[in-house]
């Protein structure tokens, strides 16, 4: 999940809740923003990129599936290479994410790596979504101090 400051649009954070080896891990990061008026999709794309970047350190060789969930409705189109955004920074990030995703699939042939949209109903009372969302918000509050 990603969180952005309304008061200071340069502040953007992402967090992921991961389940691996019967444990829950929450990882978060500050996102360096660039000039775009579309902070929400930018943050969500960065959060997915972040999740793809960290999963390898959390799983063992016995795992067969990695599923990443995102709030971004357009994620299927993004992963299929369809142009979803007209904003140049978002188009560049979409290209980078797609390349990163494809390289992870090629590198980890023993894993089924998928990225799926988490709809509103699935987010309700979802402890993993809540953990990621709260971690991103907490980091946002920390950097604003």
Protein backbone atom coordinates (compact mmCIF):
# COMPACT_ATOMS: atom_id res chain seq x y z
CA UNK A 1 0.00 0.00 0.00
CA UNK A 2 1.12 3.59 -0.49
CA UNK A 3 0.37 6.77 1.45
CA UNK A 4 0.87 10.38 0.42
CA UNK A 5 0.81 13.61 2.38
CA UNK A 6 -1.85 16.05 1.23
CA UNK A 7 -0.07 18.96 2.93
CA UNK A 8 3.34 18.12 1.51
CA UNK A 9 2.97 16.27 -1.82
CA UNK A 10 6.69 15.41 -1.86
CA UNK A 11 6.14 12.94 0.97
CA UNK A 12 5.16 9.49 -0.25
CA UNK A 13 5.63 6.12 1.47
CA UNK A 14 4.99 2.48 0.63
CA UNK A 15 4.66 -0.61 2.78
CA UNK A 16 4.16 -4.33 2.23
CA UNK A 17 2.83 -7.01 4.53
CA UNK A 18 4.31 -10.40 3.66
CA UNK A 19 3.54 -13.87 4.89
CA UNK A 20 6.43 -16.33 4.64
CA UNK A 21 7.63 -19.27 6.70
CA UNK A 22 4.60 -18.98 9.02
CA UNK A 23 5.57 -15.42 9.91
CA UNK A 24 4.27 -12.00 8.98
CA UNK A 25 6.76 -9.36 7.90
CA UNK A 26 5.98 -5.70 7.33
CA UNK A 27 8.46 -3.71 5.27
CA UNK A 28 8.20 -0.04 4.43
CA UNK A 29 10.08 2.60 2.50
CA UNK A 30 10.13 6.28 1.61
CA UNK A 31 9.46 6.86 -2.06
CA UNK A 32 11.36 9.59 -3.83
CA UNK A 33 8.65 11.42 -5.68
CA UNK A 34 8.88 13.25 -8.92
CA UNK A 35 6.59 15.82 -10.41
CA UNK A 36 3.32 14.09 -11.18
CA UNK A 37 -0.20 15.05 -10.26
CA UNK A 38 -1.15 11.37 -9.99
CA UNK A 39 0.32 10.49 -6.58
CA UNK A 40 -2.01 7.55 -5.87
CA UNK A 41 -1.24 5.40 -8.94
CA UNK A 42 2.42 6.44 -8.75
CA UNK A 43 2.59 5.30 -5.12
CA UNK A 44 0.79 2.04 -5.86
CA UNK A 45 3.13 1.22 -8.76
CA UNK A 46 6.12 1.97 -6.52
CA UNK A 47 4.65 -0.24 -3.77
CA UNK A 48 4.32 -3.16 -6.20
CA UNK A 49 7.89 -2.56 -7.41
CA UNK A 50 9.02 -2.55 -3.77
CA UNK A 51 7.20 -5.82 -3.05
CA UNK A 52 8.86 -7.43 -6.09
CA UNK A 53 12.22 -6.21 -4.83
CA UNK A 54 11.96 -7.64 -1.32
CA UNK A 55 10.12 -10.96 -1.61
CA UNK A 56 13.25 -12.93 -2.47
CA UNK A 57 14.78 -12.23 0.93
CA UNK A 58 11.70 -13.49 2.75
CA UNK A 59 11.00 -16.83 1.11
CA UNK A 60 12.70 -20.19 1.18
CA UNK A 61 13.36 -22.62 -1.64
CA UNK A 62 10.23 -24.54 -0.59
CA UNK A 63 7.89 -21.77 -1.66
CA UNK A 64 6.07 -22.11 -4.97
CA UNK A 65 3.86 -19.02 -5.10
CA UNK A 66 4.33 -15.31 -4.62
CA UNK A 67 1.16 -13.24 -4.85
CA UNK A 68 1.31 -9.48 -4.61
CA UNK A 69 -1.92 -7.56 -4.10
CA UNK A 70 -2.39 -3.92 -5.01
CA UNK A 71 -5.09 -1.27 -4.84
CA UNK A 72 -4.33 -0.30 -8.43
CA UNK A 73 -7.34 -1.27 -10.57
CA UNK A 74 -5.32 -1.05 -13.78
CA UNK A 75 -2.73 -3.60 -12.66
CA UNK A 76 -3.75 -6.23 -15.24
CA UNK A 77 -3.43 -3.70 -18.05
CA UNK A 78 -0.08 -2.53 -16.65
CA UNK A 79 1.25 -6.09 -16.61
CA UNK A 80 0.00 -6.71 -20.14
CA UNK A 81 1.88 -3.67 -21.43
CA UNK A 82 -1.24 -1.65 -22.20
CA UNK A 83 -0.71 2.10 -21.82
CA UNK A 84 -2.81 3.07 -18.82
CA UNK A 85 -1.46 6.54 -18.13
CA UNK A 86 -0.75 9.65 -20.16
CA UNK A 87 1.52 11.19 -17.53
CA UNK A 88 5.19 10.68 -18.53
CA UNK A 89 6.48 9.73 -15.04
CA UNK A 90 3.70 7.13 -14.72
CA UNK A 91 4.42 5.72 -18.19
CA UNK A 92 8.11 5.42 -17.30
CA UNK A 93 7.31 3.76 -13.98
CA UNK A 94 4.89 1.38 -15.71
CA UNK A 95 7.67 0.35 -18.12
CA UNK A 96 10.15 -0.10 -15.26
CA UNK A 97 7.68 -2.17 -13.25
CA UNK A 98 6.88 -4.41 -16.21
CA UNK A 99 10.59 -4.99 -16.90
CA UNK A 100 11.24 -5.71 -13.21
CA UNK A 101 8.30 -8.13 -13.04
CA UNK A 102 9.40 -9.99 -16.17
CA UNK A 103 12.98 -10.26 -14.90
CA UNK A 104 11.75 -11.71 -11.59
CA UNK A 105 9.69 -14.30 -13.46
CA UNK A 106 12.68 -15.25 -15.62
CA UNK A 107 15.04 -15.39 -12.64
CA UNK A 108 12.69 -17.44 -10.44
CA UNK A 109 11.39 -20.13 -12.77
CA UNK A 110 10.47 -22.31 -9.78
CA UNK A 111 7.99 -19.69 -8.54
CA UNK A 112 4.58 -18.68 -9.74
CA UNK A 113 4.73 -14.89 -9.31
CA UNK A 114 1.46 -13.03 -9.75
CA UNK A 115 0.20 -9.53 -9.07
CA UNK A 116 -3.51 -9.06 -8.47
CA UNK A 117 -5.94 -6.24 -7.76
CA UNK A 118 -7.31 -6.15 -4.24
CA UNK A 119 -10.83 -4.79 -4.59
CA UNK A 120 -12.75 -2.80 -2.00
CA UNK A 121 -14.59 -5.83 -0.64
CA UNK A 122 -11.36 -7.82 -0.25
CA UNK A 123 -9.74 -4.91 1.62
CA UNK A 124 -12.50 -4.85 4.24
CA UNK A 125 -11.24 -6.27 7.51
CA UNK A 126 -8.11 -7.58 5.77
CA UNK A 127 -5.37 -7.62 8.43
CA UNK A 128 -2.55 -7.71 5.87
CA UNK A 129 -3.85 -4.74 3.91
CA UNK A 130 -4.40 -2.90 7.19
CA UNK A 131 -0.87 -3.70 8.37
CA UNK A 132 0.67 -2.37 5.14
CA UNK A 133 -1.57 0.69 5.10
CA UNK A 134 -0.83 1.52 8.75
CA UNK A 135 2.92 1.01 8.29
CA UNK A 136 2.95 3.40 5.31
CA UNK A 137 0.97 5.99 7.29
CA UNK A 138 3.24 5.64 10.31
CA UNK A 139 6.34 6.19 8.19
CA UNK A 140 4.67 9.20 6.59
CA UNK A 141 4.03 10.68 10.06
CA UNK A 142 7.66 9.99 11.06
CA UNK A 143 9.15 11.82 8.09
CA UNK A 144 6.86 14.82 8.57
CA UNK A 145 8.25 15.48 12.07
